[in-house]
PDB file of N, CA and C in Angstrom:
ATOM      1  N   MET A   1     -34.366 -26.956  21.044  1.00  0.00           N
ATOM      2  CA  MET A   1     -35.792 -26.822  21.307  1.00  0.00           C
ATOM      3  C   MET A   1     -36.514 -27.799  21.514  1.00  0.00           C
ATOM      4  N   GLU A   2     -36.074 -29.023  20.925  1.00  0.00           N
ATOM      5  CA  GLU A   2     -36.917 -30.578  21.316  1.00  0.00           C
ATOM      6  C   GLU A   2     -36.548 -30.620  22.470  1.00  0.00           C
ATOM      7  N   LYS A   3     -35.276 -30.705  23.062  1.00  0.00           N
ATOM      8  CA  LYS A   3     -35.057 -31.031  24.474  1.00  0.00           C
ATOM      9  C   LYS A   3     -36.051 -30.173  25.231  1.00  0.00           C
ATOM     10  N   LEU A   4     -36.075 -28.993  25.080  1.00  0.00           N
ATOM     11  CA  LEU A   4     -36.887 -27.991  25.967  1.00  0.00           C
ATOM     12  C   LEU A   4     -38.578 -28.562  26.304  1.00  0.00           C
ATOM     13  N   TRP A   5     -38.717 -28.727  24.982  1.00  0.00           N
ATOM     14  CA  TRP A   5     -40.312 -29.182  24.702  1.00  0.00           C
ATOM     15  C   TRP A   5     -40.635 -30.667  26.015  1.00  0.00           C
ATOM     16  N   ARG A   6     -39.722 -31.538  25.401  1.00  0.00           N
ATOM     17  CA  ARG A   6     -39.866 -32.853  26.165  1.00  0.00           C
ATOM     18  C   ARG A   6     -39.656 -32.377  27.829  1.00  0.00           C
ATOM     19  N   LYS A   7     -38.603 -31.311  28.189  1.00  0.00           N
ATOM     20  CA  LYS A   7     -38.841 -31.480  29.734  1.00  0.00           C
ATOM     21  C   LYS A   7     -40.100 -30.672  30.183  1.00  0.00           C
ATOM     22  N   GLU A   8     -40.670 -29.944  29.248  1.00  0.00           N
ATOM     23  CA  GLU A   8     -41.925 -29.055  29.561  1.00  0.00           C
ATOM     24  C   GLU A   8     -43.160 -29.925  29.554  1.00  0.00           C
ATOM     25  N   ALA A   9     -43.098 -31.019  28.679  1.00  0.00           N
ATOM     26  CA  ALA A   9     -44.001 -32.271  28.368  1.00  0.00           C
ATOM     27  C   ALA A   9     -44.096 -32.721  29.603  1.00  0.00           C
ATOM     28  N   ILE A  10     -42.665 -33.507  30.191  1.00  0.00           N
ATOM     29  CA  ILE A  10     -42.720 -34.300  31.378  1.00  0.00           C
ATOM     30  C   ILE A  10     -43.244 -33.639  32.585  1.00  0.00           C
ATOM     31  N   ALA A  11     -43.113 -32.263  32.516  1.00  0.00           N
ATOM     32  CA  ALA A  11     -43.784 -31.701  33.806  1.00  0.00           C
ATOM     33  C   ALA A  11     -45.293 -31.663  33.874  1.00  0.00           C
ATOM     34  N   ASP A  12     -45.754 -31.093  32.765  1.00  0.00           N
ATOM     35  CA  ASP A  12     -47.274 -31.282  32.128  1.00  0.00           C
ATOM     36  C   ASP A  12     -47.759 -32.686  32.573  1.00  0.00           C
ATOM     37  N   VAL A  13     -47.517 -33.552  32.044  1.00  0.00           N
ATOM     38  CA  VAL A  13     -47.921 -34.905  32.475  1.00  0.00           C
ATOM     39  C   VAL A  13     -47.621 -35.346  33.804  1.00  0.00           C
ATOM     40  N   ILE A  14     -46.586 -34.987  34.264  1.00  0.00           N
ATOM     41  CA  ILE A  14     -46.757 -34.969  35.683  1.00  0.00           C
ATOM     42  C   ILE A  14     -47.691 -34.607  36.348  1.00  0.00           C
ATOM     43  N   ASN A  15     -47.969 -33.580  36.337  1.00  0.00           N
ATOM     44  CA  ASN A  15     -49.063 -32.584  36.985  1.00  0.00           C
ATOM     45  C   ASN A  15     -50.694 -33.072  36.062  1.00  0.00           C
ATOM     46  N   LEU A  16     -50.846 -33.753  35.185  1.00  0.00           N
ATOM     47  CA  LEU A  16     -51.728 -34.311  34.453  1.00  0.00           C
ATOM     48  C   LEU A  16     -52.100 -35.484  35.531  1.00  0.00           C
ATOM     49  N   VAL A  17     -51.054 -36.473  35.901  1.00  0.00           N
ATOM     50  CA  VAL A  17     -51.231 -37.398  36.883  1.00  0.00           C
ATOM     51  C   VAL A  17     -51.528 -37.092  38.024  1.00  0.00           C
ATOM     52  N   LEU A  18     -51.200 -36.367  38.447  1.00  0.00           N
ATOM     53  CA  LEU A  18     -51.495 -35.916  39.492  1.00  0.00           C
ATOM     54  C   LEU A  18     -52.540 -35.006  39.811  1.00  0.00           C
ATOM     55  N   ALA A  19     -53.129 -34.462  38.878  1.00  0.00           N
ATOM     56  CA  ALA A  19     -54.709 -34.022  38.794  1.00  0.00           C
ATOM     57  C   ALA A  19     -55.415 -35.240  38.812  1.00  0.00           C
ATOM     58  N   ALA A  20     -55.366 -36.171  38.001  1.00  0.00           N
ATOM     59  CA  ALA A  20     -56.308 -37.154  37.997  1.00  0.00           C
ATOM     60  C   ALA A  20     -56.309 -37.971  39.287  1.00  0.00           C
ATOM     61  N   TRP A  21     -55.142 -38.204  39.563  1.00  0.00           N
ATOM     62  CA  TRP A  21     -55.376 -38.794  41.474  1.00  0.00           C
ATOM     63  C   TRP A  21     -55.799 -38.014  42.484  1.00  0.00           C
ATOM     64  N   LEU A  22     -56.067 -36.578  42.407  1.00  0.00           N
ATOM     65  CA  LEU A  22     -56.427 -35.759  43.255  1.00  0.00           C
ATOM     66  C   LEU A  22     -57.681 -35.904  42.889  1.00  0.00           C
ATOM     67  N   PHE A  23     -58.451 -36.012  41.593  1.00  0.00           N
ATOM     68  CA  PHE A  23     -59.634 -36.003  41.183  1.00  0.00           C
ATOM     69  C   PHE A  23     -60.439 -37.202  41.706  1.00  0.00           C
ATOM     70  N   LEU A  24     -59.474 -38.323  41.326  1.00  0.00           N
ATOM     71  CA  LEU A  24     -60.144 -39.812  41.660  1.00  0.00           C
ATOM     72  C   LEU A  24     -60.237 -40.166  42.788  1.00  0.00           C
ATOM     73  N   SER A  25     -59.491 -39.493  43.832  1.00  0.00           N
ATOM     74  CA  SER A  25     -59.075 -39.789  45.232  1.00  0.00           C
ATOM     75  C   SER A  25     -60.202 -40.022  46.309  1.00  0.00           C
ATOM     76  N   PRO A  26     -61.176 -39.064  45.999  1.00  0.00           N
ATOM     77  CA  PRO A  26     -62.590 -39.358  46.649  1.00  0.00           C
ATOM     78  C   PRO A  26     -63.180 -40.576  46.656  1.00  0.00           C
ATOM     79  N   TRP A  27     -63.455 -41.324  45.604  1.00  0.00           N
ATOM     80  CA  TRP A  27     -63.553 -42.615  45.109  1.00  0.00           C
ATOM     81  C   TRP A  27     -62.726 -43.545  45.594  1.00  0.00           C
ATOM     82  N   ILE A  28     -61.658 -43.419  45.110  1.00  0.00           N
ATOM     83  CA  ILE A  28     -60.557 -44.341  45.468  1.00  0.00           C
ATOM     84  C   ILE A  28     -60.485 -44.588  47.065  1.00  0.00           C
ATOM     85  N   PHE A  29     -60.559 -43.655  47.861  1.00  0.00           N
ATOM     86  CA  PHE A  29     -60.453 -44.020  49.517  1.00  0.00           C
ATOM     87  C   PHE A  29     -62.095 -43.897  49.772  1.00  0.00           C
ATOM     88  N   GLY A  30     -63.144 -43.894  49.023  1.00  0.00           N
ATOM     89  CA  GLY A  30     -64.652 -44.056  49.758  1.00  0.00           C
ATOM     90  C   GLY A  30     -64.898 -42.754  50.665  1.00  0.00           C
ATOM     91  N   ILE A  31     -64.520 -41.631  50.074  1.00  0.00           N
ATOM     92  CA  ILE A  31     -64.844 -40.180  51.009  1.00  0.00           C
ATOM     93  C   ILE A  31     -65.485 -39.309  50.262  1.00  0.00           C
ATOM     94  N   VAL A  32     -66.426 -40.038  49.227  1.00  0.00           N
ATOM     95  CA  VAL A  32     -67.709 -39.159  48.689  1.00  0.00           C
ATOM     96  C   VAL A  32     -68.434 -38.524  49.315  1.00  0.00           C
ATOM     97  N   SER A  33     -68.660 -39.050  50.302  1.00  0.00           N
ATOM     98  CA  SER A  33     -70.055 -38.491  51.519  1.00  0.00           C
ATOM     99  C   SER A  33     -69.177 -37.344  52.002  1.00  0.00           C
ATOM    100  N   GLU A  34     -68.067 -37.391  51.931  1.00  0.00           N
ATOM    101  CA  GLU A  34     -67.615 -36.018  52.936  1.00  0.00           C
ATOM    102  C   GLU A  34     -67.632 -35.181  51.553  1.00  0.00           C
ATOM    103  N   SER A  35     -68.672 -34.059  51.471  1.00  0.00           N
ATOM    104  CA  SER A  35     -68.776 -33.204  50.463  1.00  0.00           C
ATOM    105  C   SER A  35     -67.616 -31.885  50.574  1.00  0.00           C
ATOM    106  N   LYS A  36     -67.050 -31.411  51.756  1.00  0.00           N
ATOM    107  CA  LYS A  36     -65.898 -30.877  51.749  1.00  0.00           C
ATOM    108  C   LYS A  36     -64.524 -31.084  51.007  1.00  0.00           C
ATOM    109  N   VAL A  37     -64.399 -32.680  51.337  1.00  0.00           N
ATOM    110  CA  VAL A  37     -63.235 -32.909  51.094  1.00  0.00           C
ATOM    111  C   VAL A  37     -63.284 -33.295  49.219  1.00  0.00           C
ATOM    112  N   SER A  38     -64.396 -34.184  49.076  1.00  0.00           N
ATOM    113  CA  SER A  38     -64.721 -34.124  47.548  1.00  0.00           C
ATOM    114  C   SER A  38     -64.658 -33.030  46.422  1.00  0.00           C
ATOM    115  N   TRP A  39     -65.356 -32.342  46.940  1.00  0.00           N
ATOM    116  CA  TRP A  39     -65.354 -31.309  46.157  1.00  0.00           C
ATOM    117  C   TRP A  39     -64.460 -30.389  46.178  1.00  0.00           C
ATOM    118  N   ASN A  40     -63.589 -30.103  47.023  1.00  0.00           N
ATOM    119  CA  ASN A  40     -62.070 -29.559  47.142  1.00  0.00           C
ATOM    120  C   ASN A  40     -61.371 -30.452  45.798  1.00  0.00           C
ATOM    121  N   ALA A  41     -61.318 -31.824  46.160  1.00  0.00           N
ATOM    122  CA  ALA A  41     -60.361 -32.578  45.490  1.00  0.00           C
ATOM    123  C   ALA A  41     -61.000 -32.710  44.081  1.00  0.00           C
ATOM    124  N   TRP A  42     -62.261 -32.393  43.625  1.00  0.00           N
ATOM    125  CA  TRP A  42     -62.776 -32.539  42.162  1.00  0.00           C
ATOM    126  C   TRP A  42     -62.502 -31.257  41.728  1.00  0.00           C
ATOM    127  N   LEU A  43     -62.708 -30.156  42.359  1.00  0.00           N
ATOM    128  CA  LEU A  43     -62.356 -28.869  41.818  1.00  0.00           C
ATOM    129  C   LEU A  43     -60.853 -28.699  41.368  1.00  0.00           C
ATOM    130  N   SER A  44     -60.012 -28.801  42.454  1.00  0.00           N
ATOM    131  CA  SER A  44     -58.433 -28.652  42.466  1.00  0.00           C
ATOM    132  C   SER A  44     -58.203 -29.664  41.341  1.00  0.00           C
ATOM    133  N   GLY A  45     -58.391 -30.632  41.408  1.00  0.00           N
ATOM    134  CA  GLY A  45     -57.713 -31.843  40.531  1.00  0.00           C
ATOM    135  C   GLY A  45     -58.407 -31.064  38.653  1.00  0.00           C
ATOM    136  N   LEU A  46     -59.501 -30.749  38.946  1.00  0.00           N
ATOM    137  CA  LEU A  46     -59.932 -30.418  37.337  1.00  0.00           C
ATOM    138  C   LEU A  46     -59.390 -29.275  37.229  1.00  0.00           C
ATOM    139  N   VAL A  47     -58.995 -28.254  37.719  1.00  0.00           N
ATOM    140  CA  VAL A  47     -58.161 -27.091  37.422  1.00  0.00           C
ATOM    141  C   VAL A  47     -56.802 -27.567  37.057  1.00  0.00           C
ATOM    142  N   ILE A  48     -56.045 -28.048  37.870  1.00  0.00           N
ATOM    143  CA  ILE A  48     -54.842 -28.336  37.661  1.00  0.00           C
ATOM    144  C   ILE A  48     -54.866 -29.238  36.637  1.00  0.00           C
ATOM    145  N   GLY A  49     -55.407 -30.216  36.064  1.00  0.00           N
ATOM    146  CA  GLY A  49     -55.556 -31.135  34.767  1.00  0.00           C
ATOM    147  C   GLY A  49     -55.815 -29.947  33.854  1.00  0.00           C
ATOM    148  N   VAL A  50     -56.940 -29.250  33.744  1.00  0.00           N
ATOM    149  CA  VAL A  50     -56.731 -28.409  32.556  1.00  0.00           C
ATOM    150  C   VAL A  50     -55.803 -27.379  32.431  1.00  0.00           C
ATOM    151  N   LEU A  51     -54.967 -26.719  33.204  1.00  0.00           N
ATOM    152  CA  LEU A  51     -53.765 -26.161  33.098  1.00  0.00           C
ATOM    153  C   LEU A  51     -52.781 -26.970  32.739  1.00  0.00           C
ATOM    154  N   ALA A  52     -52.575 -28.113  32.940  1.00  0.00           N
ATOM    155  CA  ALA A  52     -51.556 -29.446  32.406  1.00  0.00           C
ATOM    156  C   ALA A  52     -52.016 -29.437  30.584  1.00  0.00           C
ATOM    157  N   VAL A  53     -53.205 -29.618  30.470  1.00  0.00           N
ATOM    158  CA  VAL A  53     -53.584 -30.126  29.182  1.00  0.00           C
ATOM    159  C   VAL A  53     -53.236 -28.636  28.680  1.00  0.00           C
ATOM    160  N   ALA A  54     -53.692 -27.158  29.045  1.00  0.00           N
ATOM    161  CA  ALA A  54     -53.433 -26.115  28.090  1.00  0.00           C
ATOM    162  C   ALA A  54     -52.040 -25.829  27.727  1.00  0.00           C
ATOM    163  N   ALA A  55     -50.901 -26.324  29.001  1.00  0.00           N
ATOM    164  CA  ALA A  55     -49.614 -26.355  28.890  1.00  0.00           C
ATOM    165  C   ALA A  55     -48.916 -27.150  27.964  1.00  0.00           C
ATOM    166  N   LEU A  56     -49.350 -28.307  27.642  1.00  0.00           N
ATOM    167  CA  LEU A  56     -48.831 -29.472  26.672  1.00  0.00           C
ATOM    168  C   LEU A  56     -49.593 -28.739  25.057  1.00  0.00           C
ATOM    169  N   ALA A  57     -50.641 -28.102  25.322  1.00  0.00           N
ATOM    170  CA  ALA A  57     -51.058 -27.333  23.919  1.00  0.00           C
ATOM    171  C   ALA A  57     -50.157 -25.757  23.559  1.00  0.00           C
ATOM    172  N   ALA A  58     -49.987 -25.196  24.523  1.00  0.00           N
ATOM    173  CA  ALA A  58     -49.150 -23.974  24.315  1.00  0.00           C
ATOM    174  C   ALA A  58     -48.683 -23.535  25.838  1.00  0.00           C
ATOM    175  N   PHE A  59     -47.486 -23.485  25.722  1.00  0.00           N
ATOM    176  CA  PHE A  59     -46.754 -23.091  27.385  1.00  0.00           C
ATOM    177  C   PHE A  59     -46.984 -21.625  27.566  1.00  0.00           C
ATOM    178  N   ALA A  60     -47.225 -21.442  28.619  1.00  0.00           N
ATOM    179  CA  ALA A  60     -47.369 -19.831  29.183  1.00  0.00           C
ATOM    180  C   ALA A  60     -46.724 -19.783  30.369  1.00  0.00           C
ATOM    181  N   GLU A  61     -46.276 -18.900  30.693  1.00  0.00           N
ATOM    182  CA  GLU A  61     -45.513 -18.771  32.096  1.00  0.00           C
ATOM    183  C   GLU A  61     -46.936 -18.243  33.385  1.00  0.00           C
ATOM    184  N   TRP A  62     -47.559 -17.617  32.755  1.00  0.00           N
ATOM    185  CA  TRP A  62     -48.711 -17.578  33.790  1.00  0.00           C
ATOM    186  C   TRP A  62     -49.735 -19.017  34.118  1.00  0.00           C
ATOM    187  N   GLN A  63     -49.588 -20.005  33.672  1.00  0.00           N
ATOM    188  CA  GLN A  63     -50.206 -21.190  33.813  1.00  0.00           C
ATOM    189  C   GLN A  63     -49.188 -21.832  35.155  1.00  0.00           C
ATOM    190  N   GLU A  64     -47.668 -21.749  34.959  1.00  0.00           N
ATOM    191  CA  GLU A  64     -47.084 -22.090  36.089  1.00  0.00           C
ATOM    192  C   GLU A  64     -47.140 -21.324  37.328  1.00  0.00           C
ATOM    193  N   TRP A  65     -47.482 -19.811  37.085  1.00  0.00           N
ATOM    194  CA  TRP A  65     -47.646 -19.054  38.420  1.00  0.00           C
ATOM    195  C   TRP A  65     -48.985 -19.875  39.148  1.00  0.00           C
ATOM    196  N   ILE A  66     -50.283 -19.811  38.196  1.00  0.00           N
ATOM    197  CA  ILE A  66     -51.425 -20.423  39.042  1.00  0.00           C
ATOM    198  C   ILE A  66     -51.290 -21.769  39.379  1.00  0.00           C
ATOM    199  N   ASN A  67     -50.290 -22.936  38.705  1.00  0.00           N
ATOM    200  CA  ASN A  67     -50.414 -23.916  39.454  1.00  0.00           C
ATOM    201  C   ASN A  67     -49.576 -24.044  40.707  1.00  0.00           C
ATOM    202  N   LEU A  68     -48.767 -23.215  40.747  1.00  0.00           N
ATOM    203  CA  LEU A  68     -47.726 -22.867  42.113  1.00  0.00           C
ATOM    204  C   LEU A  68     -48.615 -22.352  43.374  1.00  0.00           C
ATOM    205  N   VAL A  69     -49.725 -21.666  42.831  1.00  0.00           N
ATOM    206  CA  VAL A  69     -50.691 -21.094  44.083  1.00  0.00           C
ATOM    207  C   VAL A  69     -51.694 -22.210  44.267  1.00  0.00           C
ATOM    208  N   LEU A  70     -52.370 -22.822  43.191  1.00  0.00           N
ATOM    209  CA  LEU A  70     -53.095 -23.944  43.491  1.00  0.00           C
ATOM    210  C   LEU A  70     -52.487 -25.056  44.103  1.00  0.00           C
ATOM    211  N   GLY A  71     -51.201 -25.473  43.970  1.00  0.00           N
ATOM    212  CA  GLY A  71     -50.674 -26.369  44.526  1.00  0.00           C
ATOM    213  C   GLY A  71     -50.475 -26.094  46.175  1.00  0.00           C
ATOM    214  N   LEU A  72     -50.015 -24.849  46.422  1.00  0.00           N
ATOM    215  CA  LEU A  72     -50.055 -24.379  47.781  1.00  0.00           C
ATOM    216  C   LEU A  72     -51.359 -24.386  48.325  1.00  0.00           C
ATOM    217  N   TRP A  73     -52.539 -24.001  47.819  1.00  0.00           N
ATOM    218  CA  TRP A  73     -53.729 -24.147  47.989  1.00  0.00           C
ATOM    219  C   TRP A  73     -54.252 -25.516  48.673  1.00  0.00           C
ATOM    220  N   VAL A  74     -53.765 -26.428  47.556  1.00  0.00           N
ATOM    221  CA  VAL A  74     -54.323 -27.755  47.714  1.00  0.00           C
ATOM    222  C   VAL A  74     -53.602 -28.184  49.225  1.00  0.00           C
ATOM    223  N   ALA A  75     -52.274 -28.037  48.968  1.00  0.00           N
ATOM    224  CA  ALA A  75     -51.512 -28.416  50.512  1.00  0.00           C
ATOM    225  C   ALA A  75     -51.984 -28.197  51.707  1.00  0.00           C
ATOM    226  N   ALA A  76     -52.681 -26.713  51.992  1.00  0.00           N
ATOM    227  CA  ALA A  76     -53.318 -25.827  52.705  1.00  0.00           C
ATOM    228  C   ALA A  76     -54.426 -26.179  52.978  1.00  0.00           C
ATOM    229  N   SER A  77     -55.309 -26.674  52.145  1.00  0.00           N
ATOM    230  CA  SER A  77     -56.644 -26.974  52.189  1.00  0.00           C
ATOM    231  C   SER A  77     -57.315 -27.834  53.215  1.00  0.00           C
ATOM    232  N   PRO A  78     -56.850 -28.838  53.564  1.00  0.00           N
ATOM    233  CA  PRO A  78     -57.342 -29.515  54.990  1.00  0.00           C
ATOM    234  C   PRO A  78     -57.561 -28.676  56.163  1.00  0.00           C
ATOM    235  N   TRP A  79     -56.574 -27.559  56.012  1.00  0.00           N
ATOM    236  CA  TRP A  79     -56.851 -26.586  57.518  1.00  0.00           C
ATOM    237  C   TRP A  79     -57.639 -25.755  57.174  1.00  0.00           C
ATOM    238  N   ILE A  80     -57.749 -25.304  55.871  1.00  0.00           N
ATOM    239  CA  ILE A  80     -58.693 -24.023  55.547  1.00  0.00           C
ATOM    240  C   ILE A  80     -59.958 -24.325  55.413  1.00  0.00           C
ATOM    241  N   VAL A  81     -60.318 -25.552  54.639  1.00  0.00           N
ATOM    242  CA  VAL A  81     -61.651 -26.239  54.618  1.00  0.00           C
ATOM    243  C   VAL A  81     -62.008 -26.652  55.592  1.00  0.00           C
ATOM    244  N   GLY A  82     -61.175 -27.263  56.472  1.00  0.00           N
ATOM    245  CA  GLY A  82     -61.775 -28.053  57.587  1.00  0.00           C
ATOM    246  C   GLY A  82     -61.994 -29.398  57.594  1.00  0.00           C
ATOM    247  N   PHE A  83     -60.932 -30.269  56.869  1.00  0.00           N
ATOM    248  CA  PHE A  83     -60.883 -31.467  56.957  1.00  0.00           C
ATOM    249  C   PHE A  83     -59.820 -32.196  57.145  1.00  0.00           C
ATOM    250  N   SER A  84     -58.962 -31.678  58.147  1.00  0.00           N
ATOM    251  CA  SER A  84     -57.778 -32.206  58.865  1.00  0.00           C
ATOM    252  C   SER A  84     -57.691 -33.019  59.418  1.00  0.00           C
ATOM    253  N   GLY A  85     -58.948 -33.411  60.160  1.00  0.00           N
ATOM    254  CA  GLY A  85     -59.182 -34.446  60.802  1.00  0.00           C
ATOM    255  C   GLY A  85     -59.503 -35.684  60.555  1.00  0.00           C
ATOM    256  N   HIS A  86     -59.550 -35.759  59.049  1.00  0.00           N
ATOM    257  CA  HIS A  86     -59.456 -37.230  58.455  1.00  0.00           C
ATOM    258  C   HIS A  86     -58.485 -37.953  58.242  1.00  0.00           C
ATOM    259  N   SER A  87     -58.263 -39.196  58.337  1.00  0.00           N
ATOM    260  CA  SER A  87     -57.014 -40.106  58.321  1.00  0.00           C
ATOM    261  C   SER A  87     -56.552 -39.683  56.619  1.00  0.00           C
ATOM    262  N   THR A  88     -57.003 -40.210  55.530  1.00  0.00           N
ATOM    263  CA  THR A  88     -56.265 -40.162  54.177  1.00  0.00           C
ATOM    264  C   THR A  88     -56.303 -38.963  53.578  1.00  0.00           C
ATOM    265  N   ALA A  89     -57.510 -38.222  53.539  1.00  0.00           N
ATOM    266  CA  ALA A  89     -57.717 -37.092  52.843  1.00  0.00           C
ATOM    267  C   ALA A  89     -56.613 -35.921  52.799  1.00  0.00           C
ATOM    268  N   PRO A  90     -56.461 -35.469  54.245  1.00  0.00           N
ATOM    269  CA  PRO A  90     -55.236 -34.292  54.397  1.00  0.00           C
ATOM    270  C   PRO A  90     -54.030 -34.945  53.575  1.00  0.00           C
ATOM    271  N   ARG A  91     -53.505 -36.390  53.722  1.00  0.00           N
ATOM    272  CA  ARG A  91     -52.352 -36.867  53.259  1.00  0.00           C
ATOM    273  C   ARG A  91     -52.274 -36.288  51.806  1.00  0.00           C
ATOM    274  N   VAL A  92     -53.444 -37.028  50.930  1.00  0.00           N
ATOM    275  CA  VAL A  92     -53.305 -37.058  49.706  1.00  0.00           C
ATOM    276  C   VAL A  92     -53.262 -35.493  49.191  1.00  0.00           C
ATOM    277  N   HIS A  93     -54.141 -34.611  49.739  1.00  0.00           N
ATOM    278  CA  HIS A  93     -54.244 -33.049  49.458  1.00  0.00           C
ATOM    279  C   HIS A  93     -52.648 -32.498  49.433  1.00  0.00           C
ATOM    280  N   ILE A  94     -52.125 -32.962  50.958  1.00  0.00           N
ATOM    281  CA  ILE A  94     -50.683 -32.233  51.178  1.00  0.00           C
ATOM    282  C   ILE A  94     -49.617 -32.881  50.290  1.00  0.00           C
ATOM    283  N   LEU A  95     -49.583 -34.063  49.814  1.00  0.00           N
ATOM    284  CA  LEU A  95     -48.710 -34.733  48.808  1.00  0.00           C
ATOM    285  C   LEU A  95     -49.025 -34.033  47.385  1.00  0.00           C
ATOM    286  N   VAL A  96     -50.242 -34.198  47.218  1.00  0.00           N
ATOM    287  CA  VAL A  96     -50.367 -33.751  45.840  1.00  0.00           C
ATOM    288  C   VAL A  96     -50.128 -32.152  45.539  1.00  0.00           C
ATOM    289  N   GLY A  97     -50.773 -31.368  46.596  1.00  0.00           N
ATOM    290  CA  GLY A  97     -50.254 -29.996  46.557  1.00  0.00           C
ATOM    291  C   GLY A  97     -48.735 -29.864  46.733  1.00  0.00           C
ATOM    292  N   ILE A  98     -47.829 -30.290  47.303  1.00  0.00           N
ATOM    293  CA  ILE A  98     -46.606 -30.003  47.307  1.00  0.00           C
ATOM    294  C   ILE A  98     -46.008 -30.393  46.065  1.00  0.00           C
ATOM    295  N   ALA A  99     -46.288 -31.442  45.490  1.00  0.00           N
ATOM    296  CA  ALA A  99     -45.778 -31.945  44.359  1.00  0.00           C
ATOM    297  C   ALA A  99     -46.252 -30.901  43.263  1.00  0.00           C
ATOM    298  N   VAL A 100     -47.512 -30.475  43.038  1.00  0.00           N
ATOM    299  CA  VAL A 100     -47.980 -29.570  42.161  1.00  0.00           C
ATOM    300  C   VAL A 100     -47.181 -28.143  42.067  1.00  0.00           C
ATOM    301  N   ALA A 101     -46.875 -27.807  43.361  1.00  0.00           N
ATOM    302  CA  ALA A 101     -45.930 -26.637  43.605  1.00  0.00           C
ATOM    303  C   ALA A 101     -44.595 -26.609  43.410  1.00  0.00           C
ATOM    304  N   VAL A 102     -43.833 -27.768  43.536  1.00  0.00           N
ATOM    305  CA  VAL A 102     -42.735 -28.088  43.387  1.00  0.00           C
ATOM    306  C   VAL A 102     -42.586 -28.099  41.837  1.00  0.00           C
ATOM    307  N   VAL A 103     -43.276 -28.970  41.056  1.00  0.00           N
ATOM    308  CA  VAL A 103     -43.142 -28.789  39.542  1.00  0.00           C
ATOM    309  C   VAL A 103     -43.295 -27.598  39.202  1.00  0.00           C
ATOM    310  N   ALA A 104     -44.229 -26.790  39.934  1.00  0.00           N
ATOM    311  CA  ALA A 104     -44.593 -25.093  39.277  1.00  0.00           C
ATOM    312  C   ALA A 104     -43.145 -24.317  39.258  1.00  0.00           C
ATOM    313  N   ALA A 105     -42.904 -24.729  40.818  1.00  0.00           N
ATOM    314  CA  ALA A 105     -41.549 -23.499  41.204  1.00  0.00           C
ATOM    315  C   ALA A 105     -40.109 -24.053  40.213  1.00  0.00           C
ATOM    316  N   MET A 106     -40.000 -25.159  40.047  1.00  0.00           N
ATOM    317  CA  MET A 106     -39.216 -25.939  39.125  1.00  0.00           C
ATOM    318  C   MET A 106     -39.106 -25.275  37.881  1.00  0.00           C
ATOM    319  N   ARG A 107     -40.324 -25.419  37.341  1.00  0.00           N
ATOM    320  CA  ARG A 107     -40.294 -24.853  35.791  1.00  0.00           C
ATOM    321  C   ARG A 107     -40.056 -23.507  35.829  1.00  0.00           C
ATOM    322  N   LEU A 108     -40.622 -22.608  37.016  1.00  0.00           N
ATOM    323  CA  LEU A 108     -40.505 -20.969  36.899  1.00  0.00           C
ATOM    324  C   LEU A 108     -38.714 -20.975  36.946  1.00  0.00           C
ATOM    325  N   TRP A 109     -38.111 -21.306  37.812  1.00  0.00           N
ATOM    326  CA  TRP A 109     -37.047 -21.394  38.185  1.00  0.00           C
ATOM    327  C   TRP A 109     -36.167 -21.699  37.064  1.00  0.00           C
ATOM    328  N   ILE A 110     -36.401 -22.850  36.287  1.00  0.00           N
ATOM    329  CA  ILE A 110     -35.588 -23.117  34.951  1.00  0.00           C
ATOM    330  C   ILE A 110     -35.853 -22.021  34.171  1.00  0.00           C
ATOM    331  N   MET A 111     -37.005 -21.739  33.844  1.00  0.00           N
ATOM    332  CA  MET A 111     -37.430 -20.924  32.661  1.00  0.00           C
ATOM    333  C   MET A 111     -36.505 -19.276  33.172  1.00  0.00           C
ATOM    334  N   HIS A 112     -36.682 -18.772  34.309  1.00  0.00           N
ATOM    335  CA  HIS A 112     -35.922 -17.400  34.943  1.00  0.00           C
ATOM    336  C   HIS A 112     -34.636 -17.432  34.517  1.00  0.00           C
ATOM    337  N   ARG A 113     -33.854 -19.025  34.964  1.00  0.00           N
ATOM    338  CA  ARG A 113     -32.310 -18.863  34.954  1.00  0.00           C
ATOM    339  C   ARG A 113     -32.124 -19.173  33.520  1.00  0.00           C
ATOM    340  N   ASN A 114     -32.700 -19.927  32.630  1.00  0.00           N
ATOM    341  CA  ASN A 114     -32.293 -19.872  31.036  1.00  0.00           C
ATOM    342  C   ASN A 114     -33.369 -19.321  30.365  1.00  0.00           C
ATOM    343  N   PRO A 115     -33.667 -17.727  30.164  1.00  0.00           N
ATOM    344  CA  PRO A 115     -34.702 -17.126  29.534  1.00  0.00           C
ATOM    345  C   PRO A 115     -34.174 -17.674  28.059  1.00  0.00           C
ATOM    346  N   PRO A 116     -35.577 -17.595  26.961  1.00  0.00           N
ATOM    347  CA  PRO A 116     -35.079 -17.633  25.714  1.00  0.00           C
ATOM    348  C   PRO A 116     -34.476 -16.515  25.101  1.00  0.00           C
ATOM    349  N   ARG A 117     -33.438 -16.893  24.288  1.00  0.00           N
ATOM    350  CA  ARG A 117     -32.775 -15.871  23.676  1.00  0.00           C
ATOM    351  C   ARG A 117     -33.151 -15.381  22.418  1.00  0.00           C
ATOM    352  N   VAL A 118     -33.603 -14.082  22.218  1.00  0.00           N
ATOM    353  CA  VAL A 118     -34.360 -13.691  21.085  1.00  0.00           C
ATOM    354  C   VAL A 118     -33.173 -12.909  20.023  1.00  0.00           C
ATOM    355  N   THR A 119     -32.969 -13.556  18.729  1.00  0.00           N
ATOM    356  CA  THR A 119     -31.811 -12.953  17.691  1.00  0.00           C
ATOM    357  C   THR A 119     -32.407 -11.978  16.743  1.00  0.00           C
ATOM    358  N   ALA A 120     -31.706 -10.922  16.545  1.00  0.00           N
ATOM    359  CA  ALA A 120     -32.195  -9.893  15.342  1.00  0.00           C
ATOM    360  C   ALA A 120     -32.057 -10.530  14.019  1.00  0.00           C
TER     361      ALA A 120
END
């Protein structure tokens, strides 16, 4: 059980770091004045971070499904929201979004590949 918790904790810590990077990216790259980019980064980063903290406290499968969808949203948001013409912001969103989606997909795959065994 301890090994399983460590693997889950590593994925959640990765998501927490990615969330912080996304949340802070408007200030780091000086694009706070770009409201669409900034708000998308702040809100997406906040939700990913909250889900990571919640998963660290008590893991649930639904958190990974939301992270998968949110990761895909973040990766596609430069085109959906309309800031793909910027230089740095789309790259940050695409990389963070893909990373979050991959981490979530890996956790879902591992969970469904090795479901927990219940003994009577």
